[in-house]
Protein backbone atom coordinates (compact mmCIF):
# COMPACT_ATOMS: atom_id res chain seq x y z
CA UNK A 1 -1.84 -15.77 3.53
CA UNK A 2 -4.40 -13.95 1.40
CA UNK A 3 -7.48 -12.23 2.79
CA UNK A 4 -10.14 -9.60 2.17
CA UNK A 5 -10.18 -6.80 4.73
CA UNK A 6 -11.79 -3.44 5.47
CA UNK A 7 -9.07 -1.02 6.55
CA UNK A 8 -8.31 2.65 7.09
CA UNK A 9 -4.84 4.03 6.38
CA UNK A 10 -3.77 7.45 7.68
CA UNK A 11 -0.49 8.45 6.10
CA UNK A 12 1.83 11.40 6.00
CA UNK A 13 4.04 11.15 2.95
CA UNK A 14 5.95 12.76 0.15
CA UNK A 15 4.59 12.59 -3.40
CA UNK A 16 6.85 11.37 -6.19
CA UNK A 17 6.50 10.56 -9.86
CA UNK A 18 8.49 8.22 -12.05
CA UNK A 19 8.60 5.42 -14.57
CA UNK A 20 7.01 2.22 -13.27
CA UNK A 21 10.09 0.37 -14.50
CA UNK A 22 12.27 2.45 -12.12
CA UNK A 23 10.11 2.06 -8.98
CA UNK A 24 12.33 -0.76 -7.66
CA UNK A 25 15.28 1.63 -7.24
CA UNK A 26 13.48 4.99 -6.93
CA UNK A 27 11.06 4.13 -4.13
CA UNK A 28 13.71 2.98 -1.58
CA UNK A 29 15.87 6.03 -2.37
CA UNK A 30 12.93 8.43 -1.84
CA UNK A 31 11.85 6.51 1.28
CA UNK A 32 15.31 7.10 2.82
CA UNK A 33 15.02 10.79 1.96
CA UNK A 34 11.58 10.89 3.62
CA UNK A 35 12.73 9.00 6.73
CA UNK A 36 15.49 11.56 7.30
CA UNK A 37 12.62 13.99 8.11
CA UNK A 38 10.51 11.63 10.27
CA UNK A 39 11.06 13.76 13.39
CA UNK A 40 9.03 16.57 11.76
CA UNK A 41 5.84 14.45 11.85
CA UNK A 42 3.48 14.40 14.83
CA UNK A 43 2.13 11.02 16.03
CA UNK A 44 4.01 8.67 13.66
CA UNK A 45 3.33 4.99 14.28
CA UNK A 46 6.77 4.03 12.99
CA UNK A 47 5.41 1.89 10.14
CA UNK A 48 6.76 2.87 6.73
CA UNK A 49 4.36 2.74 3.78
CA UNK A 50 4.26 3.40 0.06
CA UNK A 51 1.15 4.23 -1.96
CA UNK A 52 1.21 3.45 -5.68
CA UNK A 53 -0.99 4.71 -8.48
CA UNK A 54 -2.33 1.58 -10.25
CA UNK A 55 -0.90 0.93 -13.69
CA UNK A 56 -3.81 1.27 -16.10
CA UNK A 57 -2.29 -0.57 -19.07
CA UNK A 58 0.88 -1.19 -21.07
CA UNK A 59 0.87 2.41 -22.38
CA UNK A 60 0.81 3.79 -18.82
CA UNK A 61 4.57 4.12 -18.33
CA UNK A 62 4.78 6.78 -15.59
CA UNK A 63 2.96 6.86 -12.27
CA UNK A 64 2.67 8.72 -9.01
CA UNK A 65 3.54 7.26 -5.63
CA UNK A 66 3.98 8.37 -2.05
CA UNK A 67 6.56 7.27 0.48
CA UNK A 68 5.55 7.88 4.05
CA UNK A 69 4.61 6.65 7.48
CA UNK A 70 1.36 5.66 9.16
CA UNK A 71 0.11 8.20 11.70
CA UNK A 72 -2.19 7.74 14.68
CA UNK A 73 -4.60 10.62 13.97
CA UNK A 74 -5.34 13.25 11.35
CA UNK A 75 -2.59 15.83 11.30
CA UNK A 76 -3.53 19.48 10.84
CA UNK A 77 0.03 20.76 10.51
CA UNK A 78 1.78 18.74 7.82
CA UNK A 79 5.50 19.44 7.27
CA UNK A 80 6.51 21.31 4.14
CA UNK A 81 6.64 19.08 1.05
CA UNK A 82 4.46 16.40 2.67
CA UNK A 83 0.77 15.52 2.51
CA UNK A 84 -1.76 13.86 4.82
CA UNK A 85 -3.67 11.09 3.03
CA UNK A 86 -6.53 9.00 4.38
CA UNK A 87 -7.54 5.91 2.43
CA UNK A 88 -10.30 3.60 3.54
CA UNK A 89 -12.16 0.76 1.92
CA UNK A 90 -12.06 -2.90 1.07
CA UNK A 91 -8.78 -4.52 0.10
CA UNK A 92 -7.32 -7.90 -0.70
CA UNK A 93 -4.10 -8.38 1.21
CA UNK A 94 -1.09 -10.64 1.56
CA UNK A 95 2.20 -10.60 3.44
CA UNK A 96 5.65 -11.98 2.77
CA UNK A 97 9.34 -11.29 2.24
CA UNK A 98 10.42 -8.20 0.33
CA UNK A 99 12.67 -10.48 -1.73
CA UNK A 100 9.60 -11.96 -3.47
CA UNK A 101 7.35 -8.86 -3.69
CA UNK A 102 6.63 -9.43 -7.39
CA UNK A 103 5.53 -13.03 -6.71
CA UNK A 104 3.32 -11.81 -3.84
CA UNK A 105 1.50 -9.44 -6.21
CA UNK A 106 1.05 -12.15 -8.83
CA UNK A 107 -0.28 -14.65 -6.28
CA UNK A 108 -2.61 -12.10 -4.65
CA UNK A 109 -4.04 -10.97 -7.97
CA UNK A 110 -4.67 -14.58 -9.01
CA UNK A 111 -6.30 -15.41 -5.65
CA UNK A 112 -8.40 -12.24 -5.82
CA UNK A 113 -9.72 -13.12 -9.27
CA UNK A 114 -10.49 -16.73 -8.21
CA UNK A 115 -12.55 -15.41 -5.25
CA UNK A 116 -14.47 -12.84 -7.30
CA UNK A 117 -12.76 -9.74 -5.89
CA UNK A 118 -12.26 -7.05 -8.51
CA UNK A 119 -9.46 -4.48 -8.16
CA UNK A 120 -10.37 -0.83 -8.61
CA UNK A 121 -8.19 1.70 -10.39
CA UNK A 122 -9.66 4.48 -8.22
CA UNK A 123 -7.35 4.11 -5.20
CA UNK A 124 -3.69 3.51 -4.46
CA UNK A 125 -2.10 0.10 -3.96
CA UNK A 126 -0.53 0.16 -0.50
CA UNK A 127 2.60 -1.50 0.84
CA UNK A 128 3.48 -1.55 4.55
CA UNK A 129 7.06 -2.46 5.48
CA UNK A 130 7.73 -4.44 8.64
CA UNK A 131 11.21 -5.26 9.97
CA UNK A 132 11.80 -8.93 10.81
CA UNK A 133 14.87 -10.93 11.83
CA UNK A 134 15.63 -11.96 8.24
CA UNK A 135 15.31 -8.43 6.80
CA UNK A 136 11.97 -6.92 5.91
CA UNK A 137 8.45 -8.14 5.22
CA UNK A 138 5.86 -6.35 3.15
CA UNK A 139 2.09 -6.30 3.55
CA UNK A 140 0.37 -5.56 0.25
CA UNK A 141 -3.13 -4.08 0.02
CA UNK A 142 -4.92 -3.90 -3.33
CA UNK A 143 -8.17 -1.90 -3.28
CA UNK A 144 -11.22 -3.77 -4.54
CA UNK A 145 -14.69 -2.76 -5.65
CA UNK A 146 -16.97 -3.07 -2.64
CA UNK A 147 -18.42 -6.55 -2.58
CA UNK A 148 -19.89 -6.62 0.93
CA UNK A 149 -23.41 -7.06 -0.45
CA UNK A 150 -22.39 -10.24 -2.24
CA UNK A 151 -20.66 -12.24 0.50
CA UNK A 152 -21.38 -13.40 4.01
CA UNK A 153 -19.24 -12.62 7.03
CA UNK A 154 -17.91 -16.19 7.05
CA UNK A 155 -16.79 -15.91 3.44
CA UNK A 156 -15.12 -12.56 4.09
CA UNK A 157 -12.71 -14.27 6.49
CA UNK A 158 -11.32 -16.64 3.87
CA UNK A 159 -7.60 -17.15 4.35
CA UNK A 160 -5.49 -19.49 2.22
């Protein structure tokens, strides 16, 4: 299920840096470390997220990312070692099993290109993690260049 959506994310998270090739093992380890401090955060919604700096090319080997949790409102007092981040804009999005996250990205990027949505390198890619009976699902959000002037409301609801 692919779609274009306007969305606002309010996150409290911990910033990390590493090789893109190591994200598969690093991100879950740092997420566990973050979740051990969840009780320090005011108004958590209980939905874990990761924010990823977009890879800008083959020579871009190392990137920044955050592991965190969605929060209900802006937080004035952020725990030590954490940051409050608000990201809003237009995204293309999909959802599926964590076991096929790479395939979800490939499919979403192909669908996005076919529908004329262009990713921007100016904002983080976002993953939301949702527990389900069979393990965990992921919702992926890739920021796109605003295209609201070019499409109608009906077209913006395209879902395949």
